[in-house]
């Protein structure tokens, strides 16, 4: 909404809604207590699309016989460290973890040293 001077102002909620609708690059990590390695992907998507992807991993897990419970719905996916997401599946004797972290803008070594 703009005022009489033509300045556009947004509420905090409007800004957050806009930011969440923007596509970003994400690092997706898949691991589990029975896995030897961590599988990583780089994907592009909105917050909602990434949460949907994590929930779909858990939904795929739910077809296994020893599945107990997991974050199979988008609403089950948890906020992680204020900037990423986490979902998990629990089985009779092990668990699987799925994380999504947005990629940050690349910085130079000099910029990194200045931050410290």
Protein backbone atom coordinates (compact mmCIF):
# COMPACT_ATOMS: atom_id res chain seq x y z
CA UNK A 1 0.00 0.00 0.00
CA UNK A 2 1.38 3.46 -0.83
CA UNK A 3 0.94 6.70 1.04
CA UNK A 4 0.36 10.21 -0.37
CA UNK A 5 4.06 10.49 -1.20
CA UNK A 6 4.01 7.36 -3.34
CA UNK A 7 6.10 5.36 -0.86
CA UNK A 8 5.15 1.70 -0.80
CA UNK A 9 5.10 0.05 2.62
CA UNK A 10 4.59 -3.59 3.48
CA UNK A 11 3.83 -5.30 6.75
CA UNK A 12 6.25 -7.87 8.13
CA UNK A 13 3.75 -10.64 7.31
CA UNK A 14 3.53 -9.47 3.69
CA UNK A 15 7.32 -9.46 3.36
CA UNK A 16 7.64 -12.94 4.89
CA UNK A 17 4.90 -14.28 2.60
CA UNK A 18 6.68 -12.81 -0.44
CA UNK A 19 10.06 -14.22 0.61
CA UNK A 20 8.62 -17.72 1.12
CA UNK A 21 7.08 -17.65 -2.36
CA UNK A 22 10.45 -16.93 -3.98
CA UNK A 23 12.40 -19.80 -5.50
CA UNK A 24 15.78 -20.49 -3.92
CA UNK A 25 18.53 -23.03 -4.31
CA UNK A 26 18.49 -25.64 -1.54
CA UNK A 27 20.84 -28.38 -0.35
CA UNK A 28 18.77 -31.47 0.39
CA UNK A 29 20.37 -34.09 2.65
CA UNK A 30 19.17 -37.67 3.15
CA UNK A 31 20.69 -39.87 5.86
CA UNK A 32 19.72 -42.52 8.33
CA UNK A 33 20.96 -44.64 11.19
CA UNK A 34 21.38 -47.62 8.83
CA UNK A 35 23.01 -45.63 6.00
CA UNK A 36 26.75 -45.51 5.35
CA UNK A 37 26.65 -42.16 3.53
CA UNK A 38 24.70 -38.93 3.29
CA UNK A 39 23.00 -38.39 -0.06
CA UNK A 40 22.85 -34.73 -1.12
CA UNK A 41 21.02 -32.90 -3.88
CA UNK A 42 20.85 -29.29 -4.98
CA UNK A 43 17.33 -28.31 -6.00
CA UNK A 44 15.49 -25.11 -6.86
CA UNK A 45 12.11 -24.39 -5.33
CA UNK A 46 9.96 -22.41 -2.95
CA UNK A 47 9.72 -23.16 0.76
CA UNK A 48 6.44 -24.98 0.13
CA UNK A 49 7.89 -27.11 -2.69
CA UNK A 50 10.87 -28.14 -0.56
CA UNK A 51 8.66 -29.03 2.41
CA UNK A 52 6.54 -31.08 0.00
CA UNK A 53 9.64 -32.91 -1.23
CA UNK A 54 10.75 -33.80 2.31
CA UNK A 55 7.27 -35.05 3.17
CA UNK A 56 7.26 -37.18 0.00
CA UNK A 57 10.50 -38.89 1.14
CA UNK A 58 8.76 -39.85 4.40
CA UNK A 59 5.63 -40.92 2.53
CA UNK A 60 7.78 -43.25 0.41
CA UNK A 61 9.23 -44.68 3.64
CA UNK A 62 5.72 -45.38 4.95
CA UNK A 63 5.29 -48.20 2.44
CA UNK A 64 7.97 -50.28 4.20
CA UNK A 65 6.79 -53.02 6.57
CA UNK A 66 8.65 -51.85 9.69
CA UNK A 67 7.60 -48.17 9.38
CA UNK A 68 6.28 -46.78 12.70
CA UNK A 69 5.68 -43.07 12.07
CA UNK A 70 7.02 -40.08 10.19
CA UNK A 71 6.47 -36.61 8.79
CA UNK A 72 4.37 -37.73 5.83
CA UNK A 73 2.35 -34.50 5.48
CA UNK A 74 3.66 -31.05 4.52
CA UNK A 75 2.31 -29.68 7.80
CA UNK A 76 4.48 -32.23 9.69
CA UNK A 77 7.76 -30.88 8.28
CA UNK A 78 9.63 -28.92 10.99
CA UNK A 79 11.44 -25.60 10.80
CA UNK A 80 15.15 -26.19 11.43
CA UNK A 81 17.47 -23.48 12.74
CA UNK A 82 15.15 -20.66 11.55
CA UNK A 83 16.16 -21.10 7.91
CA UNK A 84 15.75 -24.70 6.81
CA UNK A 85 13.49 -27.69 7.23
CA UNK A 86 13.65 -31.19 8.73
CA UNK A 87 11.52 -34.31 8.28
CA UNK A 88 12.08 -37.82 9.53
CA UNK A 89 10.80 -41.37 9.48
CA UNK A 90 11.05 -43.83 12.37
CA UNK A 91 11.08 -47.57 11.92
CA UNK A 92 11.15 -50.50 14.33
CA UNK A 93 14.95 -50.46 14.64
CA UNK A 94 16.24 -47.39 12.73
CA UNK A 95 15.35 -43.92 11.44
CA UNK A 96 15.80 -41.76 8.34
CA UNK A 97 16.47 -38.00 8.38
CA UNK A 98 15.78 -35.50 5.61
CA UNK A 99 16.94 -31.88 5.72
CA UNK A 100 16.70 -28.84 3.46
CA UNK A 101 18.95 -25.81 3.87
CA UNK A 102 18.87 -22.80 1.55
CA UNK A 103 22.13 -22.05 -0.21
CA UNK A 104 23.59 -18.72 0.80
CA UNK A 105 25.02 -16.21 -1.63
CA UNK A 106 28.63 -17.17 -2.41
CA UNK A 107 31.27 -15.10 -0.64
CA UNK A 108 35.02 -14.78 -1.12
CA UNK A 109 37.59 -16.04 1.38
CA UNK A 110 38.44 -12.41 2.16
CA UNK A 111 34.78 -11.66 2.98
CA UNK A 112 34.61 -14.74 5.20
CA UNK A 113 37.73 -13.69 7.12
CA UNK A 114 36.29 -10.20 7.62
CA UNK A 115 33.15 -11.74 9.15
CA UNK A 116 35.28 -13.42 11.81
